[in-house]
């Protein structure tokens, strides 16, 4: 069960972030900004989200199973790539840039991704919503994938 979903964007992802918050009020969002569409630097918001996630993961006994422990993140910028690059510099963060539902599903099932990165300029709001739902519903398969994921650290 997901207990917290940290979400952040830059100015390019602000509209999609706001749409997610409005269209999915049942989800346990923690909005880390920005508060408006003014120009900001995406690395700052990726860092903020990752630090919050690491703090929350550390307080949970299942630190290697971040999504199963109830913690995940969503980062949104124009392409999604900048957020993914910055997020993957943090320990315990496995950020996946997803452009369709299949990639979102596989990033969870095979890579145990705990941060979804999206490009707001690369897809419609409807497609982004489907990707979000797929990411949140998919579970890590473990097994042969566990040893591979362990090598990512």
N, C-alpha and C. Protein backbone atom coordinates (compact mmCIF):
# COMPACT_ATOMS: atom_id res chain seq x y z
N UNK A 1 0.84 -1.19 0.00
CA UNK A 1 0.00 0.00 0.00
C UNK A 1 0.88 1.25 0.00
N UNK A 2 0.55 2.19 -0.83
CA UNK A 2 1.31 3.42 -0.93
C UNK A 2 0.84 4.39 0.15
N UNK A 3 1.79 4.84 0.97
CA UNK A 3 1.48 5.75 2.06
C UNK A 3 1.82 7.19 1.71
N UNK A 4 2.83 7.38 0.86
CA UNK A 4 3.24 8.72 0.45
C UNK A 4 3.72 8.69 -0.99
N UNK A 5 3.27 9.69 -1.75
CA UNK A 5 3.79 9.90 -3.09
C UNK A 5 4.31 11.33 -3.13
N UNK A 6 5.62 11.46 -3.12
CA UNK A 6 6.23 12.77 -3.25
C UNK A 6 6.16 13.16 -4.72
N UNK A 7 5.82 14.42 -4.99
CA UNK A 7 5.74 14.89 -6.36
C UNK A 7 6.37 16.27 -6.45
N UNK A 8 7.12 16.48 -7.53
CA UNK A 8 7.74 17.78 -7.79
C UNK A 8 7.91 17.93 -9.30
N UNK A 9 8.08 19.17 -9.70
CA UNK A 9 8.25 19.46 -11.12
C UNK A 9 9.15 20.68 -11.27
N UNK A 10 9.39 21.03 -12.50
CA UNK A 10 9.94 22.35 -12.79
C UNK A 10 8.80 23.13 -13.43
N UNK A 11 9.10 24.29 -13.98
CA UNK A 11 8.07 25.13 -14.60
C UNK A 11 7.38 24.42 -15.77
N UNK A 12 8.14 23.64 -16.55
CA UNK A 12 7.56 22.95 -17.70
C UNK A 12 6.60 21.84 -17.27
N UNK A 13 6.84 21.25 -16.12
CA UNK A 13 5.98 20.18 -15.63
C UNK A 13 4.91 20.63 -14.66
N UNK A 14 4.87 21.92 -14.37
CA UNK A 14 3.94 22.43 -13.35
C UNK A 14 2.48 22.11 -13.67
N UNK A 15 2.06 22.34 -14.90
CA UNK A 15 0.66 22.11 -15.28
C UNK A 15 0.27 20.63 -15.11
N UNK A 16 1.13 19.73 -15.54
CA UNK A 16 0.84 18.30 -15.39
C UNK A 16 0.82 17.91 -13.92
N UNK A 17 1.73 18.44 -13.13
CA UNK A 17 1.74 18.17 -11.69
C UNK A 17 0.41 18.60 -11.07
N UNK A 18 -0.03 19.78 -11.39
CA UNK A 18 -1.29 20.29 -10.84
C UNK A 18 -2.47 19.43 -11.28
N UNK A 19 -2.42 18.96 -12.52
CA UNK A 19 -3.50 18.10 -13.04
C UNK A 19 -3.52 16.78 -12.28
N UNK A 20 -2.36 16.18 -12.03
CA UNK A 20 -2.30 14.95 -11.24
C UNK A 20 -2.92 15.16 -9.85
N UNK A 21 -2.54 16.26 -9.20
CA UNK A 21 -3.05 16.53 -7.85
C UNK A 21 -4.57 16.70 -7.86
N UNK A 22 -5.07 17.40 -8.87
CA UNK A 22 -6.52 17.66 -8.98
C UNK A 22 -7.29 16.40 -9.37
N UNK A 23 -6.77 15.63 -10.32
CA UNK A 23 -7.49 14.48 -10.85
C UNK A 23 -7.37 13.22 -9.98
N UNK A 24 -6.44 13.23 -9.04
CA UNK A 24 -6.20 12.05 -8.21
C UNK A 24 -6.17 12.43 -6.72
N UNK A 25 -7.24 13.05 -6.22
CA UNK A 25 -7.22 13.51 -4.82
C UNK A 25 -7.17 12.38 -3.80
N UNK A 26 -7.49 11.17 -4.22
CA UNK A 26 -7.48 10.01 -3.33
C UNK A 26 -6.06 9.53 -3.03
N UNK A 27 -5.10 9.96 -3.82
CA UNK A 27 -3.72 9.52 -3.62
C UNK A 27 -3.05 10.36 -2.53
N UNK A 28 -2.13 9.75 -1.79
CA UNK A 28 -1.47 10.44 -0.67
C UNK A 28 -0.30 11.32 -1.13
N UNK A 29 -0.62 12.38 -1.86
CA UNK A 29 0.39 13.26 -2.42
C UNK A 29 1.08 14.11 -1.35
N UNK A 30 2.35 14.36 -1.57
CA UNK A 30 3.10 15.37 -0.83
C UNK A 30 3.74 16.25 -1.91
N UNK A 31 3.18 17.44 -2.11
CA UNK A 31 3.61 18.34 -3.17
C UNK A 31 4.84 19.12 -2.70
N UNK A 32 5.95 18.92 -3.39
CA UNK A 32 7.21 19.58 -3.03
C UNK A 32 7.52 20.77 -3.93
N UNK A 33 6.54 21.18 -4.73
CA UNK A 33 6.71 22.39 -5.51
C UNK A 33 7.07 22.10 -6.96
N UNK A 34 7.21 23.21 -7.67
CA UNK A 34 7.07 24.60 -7.25
C UNK A 34 5.60 24.99 -7.08
N UNK A 35 5.38 26.18 -6.54
CA UNK A 35 4.03 26.65 -6.28
C UNK A 35 3.37 27.35 -7.45
N UNK A 36 4.15 27.63 -8.48
CA UNK A 36 3.59 28.25 -9.68
C UNK A 36 4.48 27.91 -10.88
N UNK A 37 4.15 28.44 -12.03
CA UNK A 37 4.85 28.09 -13.27
C UNK A 37 6.03 29.00 -13.58
N UNK A 38 6.50 29.76 -12.59
CA UNK A 38 7.69 30.59 -12.80
C UNK A 38 8.91 29.70 -13.06
N UNK A 39 9.85 30.20 -13.83
CA UNK A 39 11.03 29.44 -14.19
C UNK A 39 11.83 29.03 -12.95
N UNK A 40 12.15 27.74 -12.89
CA UNK A 40 12.97 27.17 -11.80
C UNK A 40 13.95 26.17 -12.41
N UNK A 41 14.91 25.74 -11.61
CA UNK A 41 15.90 24.78 -12.06
C UNK A 41 15.48 23.38 -11.65
N UNK A 42 15.27 22.50 -12.62
CA UNK A 42 14.79 21.14 -12.33
C UNK A 42 15.70 20.36 -11.37
N UNK A 43 17.04 20.52 -11.41
CA UNK A 43 17.85 19.73 -10.47
C UNK A 43 17.52 20.01 -9.00
N UNK A 44 17.12 21.24 -8.71
CA UNK A 44 16.79 21.60 -7.33
C UNK A 44 15.57 20.83 -6.84
N UNK A 45 14.59 20.65 -7.69
CA UNK A 45 13.37 19.95 -7.29
C UNK A 45 13.56 18.43 -7.27
N UNK A 46 14.39 17.93 -8.16
CA UNK A 46 14.72 16.49 -8.11
C UNK A 46 15.46 16.19 -6.81
N UNK A 47 16.38 17.04 -6.44
CA UNK A 47 17.14 16.87 -5.20
C UNK A 47 16.21 16.90 -3.99
N UNK A 48 15.33 17.86 -3.96
CA UNK A 48 14.39 18.00 -2.84
C UNK A 48 13.57 16.73 -2.68
N UNK A 49 13.03 16.22 -3.77
CA UNK A 49 12.21 15.01 -3.72
C UNK A 49 13.04 13.81 -3.27
N UNK A 50 14.21 13.63 -3.83
CA UNK A 50 15.04 12.47 -3.47
C UNK A 50 15.47 12.51 -2.01
N UNK A 51 15.82 13.68 -1.51
CA UNK A 51 16.20 13.78 -0.10
C UNK A 51 15.03 13.43 0.81
N UNK A 52 13.83 13.86 0.46
CA UNK A 52 12.63 13.52 1.24
C UNK A 52 12.37 12.02 1.20
N UNK A 53 12.52 11.44 0.02
CA UNK A 53 12.30 10.00 -0.11
C UNK A 53 13.30 9.21 0.72
N UNK A 54 14.56 9.57 0.63
CA UNK A 54 15.60 8.86 1.38
C UNK A 54 15.35 8.97 2.88
N UNK A 55 14.94 10.14 3.32
CA UNK A 55 14.60 10.34 4.73
C UNK A 55 13.46 9.42 5.14
N UNK A 56 12.44 9.33 4.33
CA UNK A 56 11.28 8.49 4.63
C UNK A 56 11.64 7.00 4.54
N UNK A 57 12.40 6.62 3.54
CA UNK A 57 12.82 5.23 3.38
C UNK A 57 13.65 4.79 4.59
N UNK A 58 14.55 5.66 5.05
CA UNK A 58 15.42 5.34 6.18
C UNK A 58 14.63 5.08 7.46
N UNK A 59 13.46 5.66 7.56
CA UNK A 59 12.64 5.48 8.76
C UNK A 59 11.80 4.20 8.70
N UNK A 60 11.90 3.48 7.60
CA UNK A 60 11.12 2.26 7.41
C UNK A 60 12.07 1.07 7.39
N UNK A 61 11.71 -0.03 8.01
CA UNK A 61 12.62 -1.18 8.07
C UNK A 61 12.93 -1.82 6.71
N UNK A 62 12.06 -1.69 5.74
CA UNK A 62 12.27 -2.33 4.42
C UNK A 62 12.91 -1.32 3.47
N UNK A 63 14.11 -0.86 3.80
CA UNK A 63 14.71 0.23 3.04
C UNK A 63 14.95 -0.10 1.57
N UNK A 64 15.18 -1.35 1.24
CA UNK A 64 15.44 -1.69 -0.16
C UNK A 64 14.17 -1.85 -0.98
N UNK A 65 13.04 -1.87 -0.32
CA UNK A 65 11.78 -2.02 -1.04
C UNK A 65 10.96 -0.74 -0.90
N UNK A 66 11.48 0.32 -1.48
CA UNK A 66 10.90 1.64 -1.26
C UNK A 66 9.42 1.73 -1.60
N UNK A 67 9.01 1.25 -2.73
CA UNK A 67 7.60 1.37 -3.07
C UNK A 67 6.75 0.50 -2.17
N UNK A 68 7.21 -0.73 -1.88
CA UNK A 68 6.46 -1.60 -0.99
C UNK A 68 6.39 -1.02 0.41
N UNK A 69 7.38 -0.23 0.83
CA UNK A 69 7.35 0.39 2.15
C UNK A 69 6.41 1.59 2.16
N UNK A 70 5.86 1.91 1.01
CA UNK A 70 4.88 2.98 0.95
C UNK A 70 5.41 4.30 0.46
N UNK A 71 6.62 4.34 -0.08
CA UNK A 71 7.22 5.60 -0.52
C UNK A 71 7.55 5.52 -2.00
N UNK A 72 7.10 6.51 -2.75
CA UNK A 72 7.52 6.63 -4.14
C UNK A 72 7.50 8.09 -4.53
N UNK A 73 7.99 8.38 -5.72
CA UNK A 73 8.05 9.76 -6.18
C UNK A 73 7.66 9.90 -7.63
N UNK A 74 7.27 11.11 -7.97
CA UNK A 74 6.95 11.48 -9.35
C UNK A 74 7.65 12.80 -9.63
N UNK A 75 8.47 12.82 -10.66
CA UNK A 75 9.18 14.03 -11.08
C UNK A 75 8.78 14.36 -12.52
N UNK A 76 8.49 15.63 -12.77
CA UNK A 76 8.02 16.04 -14.09
C UNK A 76 8.78 17.28 -14.56
N UNK A 77 9.35 17.18 -15.74
CA UNK A 77 9.94 18.35 -16.39
C UNK A 77 9.53 18.28 -17.87
N UNK A 78 10.12 19.09 -18.70
CA UNK A 78 9.71 19.12 -20.10
C UNK A 78 9.90 17.79 -20.81
N UNK A 79 11.09 17.20 -20.67
CA UNK A 79 11.36 15.91 -21.32
C UNK A 79 11.34 14.75 -20.34
N UNK A 80 11.51 15.03 -19.06
CA UNK A 80 11.63 13.99 -18.04
C UNK A 80 13.06 13.53 -17.85
N UNK A 81 13.89 13.76 -18.84
CA UNK A 81 15.26 13.26 -18.82
C UNK A 81 16.13 13.95 -17.77
N UNK A 82 16.03 15.25 -17.67
CA UNK A 82 16.84 15.98 -16.69
C UNK A 82 16.54 15.54 -15.27
N UNK A 83 15.26 15.38 -14.97
CA UNK A 83 14.86 14.91 -13.63
C UNK A 83 15.42 13.51 -13.38
N UNK A 84 15.34 12.63 -14.36
CA UNK A 84 15.82 11.26 -14.20
C UNK A 84 17.32 11.23 -13.96
N UNK A 85 18.05 12.02 -14.72
CA UNK A 85 19.51 12.06 -14.55
C UNK A 85 19.87 12.50 -13.14
N UNK A 86 19.25 13.57 -12.67
CA UNK A 86 19.57 14.08 -11.33
C UNK A 86 19.13 13.09 -10.25
N UNK A 87 17.95 12.55 -10.36
CA UNK A 87 17.43 11.65 -9.33
C UNK A 87 18.29 10.40 -9.18
N UNK A 88 18.79 9.88 -10.27
CA UNK A 88 19.56 8.64 -10.21
C UNK A 88 20.96 8.82 -9.62
N UNK A 89 21.31 10.01 -9.24
CA UNK A 89 22.58 10.25 -8.55
C UNK A 89 22.46 9.96 -7.05
N UNK A 90 21.25 9.73 -6.55
CA UNK A 90 21.02 9.52 -5.13
C UNK A 90 20.96 8.03 -4.80
N UNK A 91 21.57 7.64 -3.67
CA UNK A 91 21.46 6.24 -3.26
C UNK A 91 20.01 5.90 -2.93
N UNK A 92 19.63 4.68 -3.17
CA UNK A 92 18.29 4.15 -2.91
C UNK A 92 17.22 4.68 -3.86
N UNK A 93 17.60 5.52 -4.79
CA UNK A 93 16.64 6.04 -5.77
C UNK A 93 16.88 5.32 -7.09
N UNK A 94 15.79 4.82 -7.64
CA UNK A 94 15.81 4.20 -8.96
C UNK A 94 14.73 4.91 -9.78
N UNK A 95 15.16 5.94 -10.49
CA UNK A 95 14.22 6.76 -11.26
C UNK A 95 14.11 6.23 -12.69
N UNK A 96 12.89 6.13 -13.16
CA UNK A 96 12.63 5.60 -14.50
C UNK A 96 11.91 6.66 -15.34
N UNK A 97 12.52 6.99 -16.46
CA UNK A 97 11.88 7.87 -17.43
C UNK A 97 10.93 7.01 -18.25
N UNK A 98 9.65 7.27 -18.13
CA UNK A 98 8.65 6.42 -18.79
C UNK A 98 7.88 7.24 -19.82
N UNK A 99 7.71 6.64 -20.99
CA UNK A 99 6.99 7.31 -22.07
C UNK A 99 5.76 6.52 -22.52
N UNK A 100 5.57 5.34 -21.95
CA UNK A 100 4.34 4.60 -22.21
C UNK A 100 4.07 3.66 -21.03
N UNK A 101 2.93 3.01 -21.05
CA UNK A 101 2.52 2.14 -19.95
C UNK A 101 3.43 0.92 -19.81
N UNK A 102 3.88 0.37 -20.91
CA UNK A 102 4.73 -0.82 -20.87
C UNK A 102 6.06 -0.52 -20.17
N UNK A 103 6.66 0.62 -20.48
CA UNK A 103 7.91 1.00 -19.82
C UNK A 103 7.66 1.21 -18.33
N UNK A 104 6.55 1.83 -17.98
CA UNK A 104 6.23 2.04 -16.57
C UNK A 104 6.08 0.71 -15.84
N UNK A 105 5.38 -0.22 -16.45
CA UNK A 105 5.16 -1.54 -15.84
C UNK A 105 6.49 -2.27 -15.66
N UNK A 106 7.30 -2.30 -16.70
CA UNK A 106 8.57 -3.01 -16.63
C UNK A 106 9.56 -2.35 -15.68
N UNK A 107 9.52 -1.04 -15.59
CA UNK A 107 10.43 -0.35 -14.67
C UNK A 107 10.15 -0.74 -13.23
N UNK A 108 8.90 -1.00 -12.93
CA UNK A 108 8.54 -1.46 -11.58
C UNK A 108 8.83 -2.96 -11.43
N UNK A 109 8.34 -3.77 -12.38
CA UNK A 109 8.46 -5.22 -12.26
C UNK A 109 9.91 -5.70 -12.29
N UNK A 110 10.72 -5.15 -13.15
CA UNK A 110 12.08 -5.65 -13.35
C UNK A 110 13.15 -4.82 -12.67
N UNK A 111 12.93 -3.50 -12.52
CA UNK A 111 13.96 -2.61 -11.99
C UNK A 111 13.63 -2.07 -10.60
N UNK A 112 12.47 -2.38 -10.09
CA UNK A 112 12.02 -1.88 -8.78
C UNK A 112 12.17 -0.36 -8.69
N UNK A 113 11.81 0.33 -9.78
CA UNK A 113 11.88 1.79 -9.80
C UNK A 113 10.98 2.35 -8.71
N UNK A 114 11.46 3.41 -8.06
CA UNK A 114 10.65 4.04 -7.03
C UNK A 114 10.36 5.51 -7.32
N UNK A 115 10.86 6.00 -8.45
CA UNK A 115 10.54 7.36 -8.89
C UNK A 115 10.16 7.29 -10.37
N UNK A 116 9.01 7.81 -10.67
CA UNK A 116 8.52 7.92 -12.04
C UNK A 116 8.88 9.30 -12.57
N UNK A 117 9.57 9.35 -13.71
CA UNK A 117 9.91 10.62 -14.36
C UNK A 117 9.11 10.73 -15.65
N UNK A 118 8.51 11.88 -15.84
CA UNK A 118 7.67 12.11 -17.01
C UNK A 118 8.06 13.40 -17.72
N UNK A 119 7.91 13.39 -19.03
CA UNK A 119 8.13 14.57 -19.85
C UNK A 119 6.80 15.18 -20.22
N UNK A 120 6.49 16.32 -19.64
CA UNK A 120 5.19 16.94 -19.89
C UNK A 120 5.02 17.40 -21.33
N UNK A 121 6.12 17.67 -22.01
CA UNK A 121 6.05 18.12 -23.40
C UNK A 121 6.04 16.96 -24.38
N UNK A 122 6.12 15.75 -23.88
CA UNK A 122 6.26 14.57 -24.72
C UNK A 122 4.98 13.75 -24.84
N UNK A 123 3.95 14.10 -24.05
CA UNK A 123 2.74 13.28 -24.04
C UNK A 123 1.55 14.10 -23.59
N UNK A 124 0.38 13.57 -23.85
CA UNK A 124 -0.85 14.22 -23.41
C UNK A 124 -1.06 13.96 -21.92
N UNK A 125 -1.93 14.75 -21.32
CA UNK A 125 -2.29 14.52 -19.92
C UNK A 125 -2.91 13.13 -19.73
N UNK A 126 -3.69 12.72 -20.70
CA UNK A 126 -4.35 11.42 -20.61
C UNK A 126 -3.33 10.28 -20.62
N UNK A 127 -2.33 10.38 -21.49
CA UNK A 127 -1.29 9.35 -21.54
C UNK A 127 -0.47 9.36 -20.25
N UNK A 128 -0.15 10.54 -19.76
CA UNK A 128 0.60 10.64 -18.50
C UNK A 128 -0.18 10.01 -17.35
N UNK A 129 -1.48 10.20 -17.33
CA UNK A 129 -2.33 9.61 -16.27
C UNK A 129 -2.28 8.08 -16.35
N UNK A 130 -2.35 7.53 -17.54
CA UNK A 130 -2.28 6.07 -17.70
C UNK A 130 -0.93 5.53 -17.24
N UNK A 131 0.12 6.25 -17.56
CA UNK A 131 1.47 5.84 -17.14
C UNK A 131 1.57 5.88 -15.62
N UNK A 132 1.07 6.94 -15.02
CA UNK A 132 1.07 7.05 -13.55
C UNK A 132 0.33 5.88 -12.92
N UNK A 133 -0.86 5.59 -13.40
CA UNK A 133 -1.66 4.49 -12.85
C UNK A 133 -0.93 3.15 -12.99
N UNK A 134 -0.33 2.92 -14.14
CA UNK A 134 0.40 1.67 -14.37
C UNK A 134 1.59 1.57 -13.42
N UNK A 135 2.33 2.64 -13.27
CA UNK A 135 3.49 2.66 -12.37
C UNK A 135 3.06 2.33 -10.94
N UNK A 136 2.00 2.97 -10.47
CA UNK A 136 1.56 2.78 -9.09
C UNK A 136 0.96 1.40 -8.84
N UNK A 137 0.36 0.81 -9.86
CA UNK A 137 -0.28 -0.51 -9.70
C UNK A 137 0.68 -1.67 -9.87
N UNK A 138 1.80 -1.45 -10.53
CA UNK A 138 2.74 -2.53 -10.80
C UNK A 138 3.61 -2.81 -9.58
N UNK A 139 4.00 -4.06 -9.44
CA UNK A 139 4.80 -4.50 -8.30
C UNK A 139 6.10 -5.13 -8.78
N UNK A 140 7.13 -4.98 -7.97
CA UNK A 140 8.43 -5.60 -8.25
C UNK A 140 8.27 -7.12 -8.19
N UNK A 141 8.79 -7.81 -9.19
CA UNK A 141 8.66 -9.26 -9.27
C UNK A 141 9.69 -9.99 -8.41
N UNK A 142 10.78 -9.32 -8.06
CA UNK A 142 11.81 -9.99 -7.26
C UNK A 142 12.46 -11.10 -8.07
N UNK A 143 12.77 -12.22 -7.39
CA UNK A 143 13.37 -13.36 -8.08
C UNK A 143 14.65 -12.98 -8.78
N UNK A 144 14.78 -13.38 -10.04
CA UNK A 144 16.01 -13.13 -10.80
C UNK A 144 16.32 -11.64 -10.91
N UNK A 145 15.31 -10.80 -10.76
CA UNK A 145 15.52 -9.36 -10.88
C UNK A 145 16.18 -8.77 -9.64
N UNK A 146 16.03 -9.42 -8.50
CA UNK A 146 16.59 -8.90 -7.25
C UNK A 146 18.10 -8.77 -7.31
N UNK A 147 18.79 -9.78 -7.82
CA UNK A 147 20.25 -9.72 -7.89
C UNK A 147 20.70 -8.64 -8.86
N UNK A 148 19.93 -8.40 -9.89
CA UNK A 148 20.29 -7.37 -10.87
C UNK A 148 20.09 -5.99 -10.26
N UNK A 149 18.98 -5.79 -9.59
CA UNK A 149 18.72 -4.51 -8.94
C UNK A 149 19.78 -4.22 -7.88
N UNK A 150 20.22 -5.25 -7.15
CA UNK A 150 21.26 -5.06 -6.14
C UNK A 150 22.54 -4.53 -6.76
N UNK A 151 22.81 -4.86 -8.00
CA UNK A 151 24.02 -4.39 -8.67
C UNK A 151 23.93 -2.92 -9.08
N UNK A 152 22.77 -2.34 -8.99
CA UNK A 152 22.60 -0.93 -9.34
C UNK A 152 23.13 0.00 -8.26
N UNK A 153 23.23 -0.50 -7.04
CA UNK A 153 23.64 0.34 -5.90
C UNK A 153 25.12 0.61 -5.90
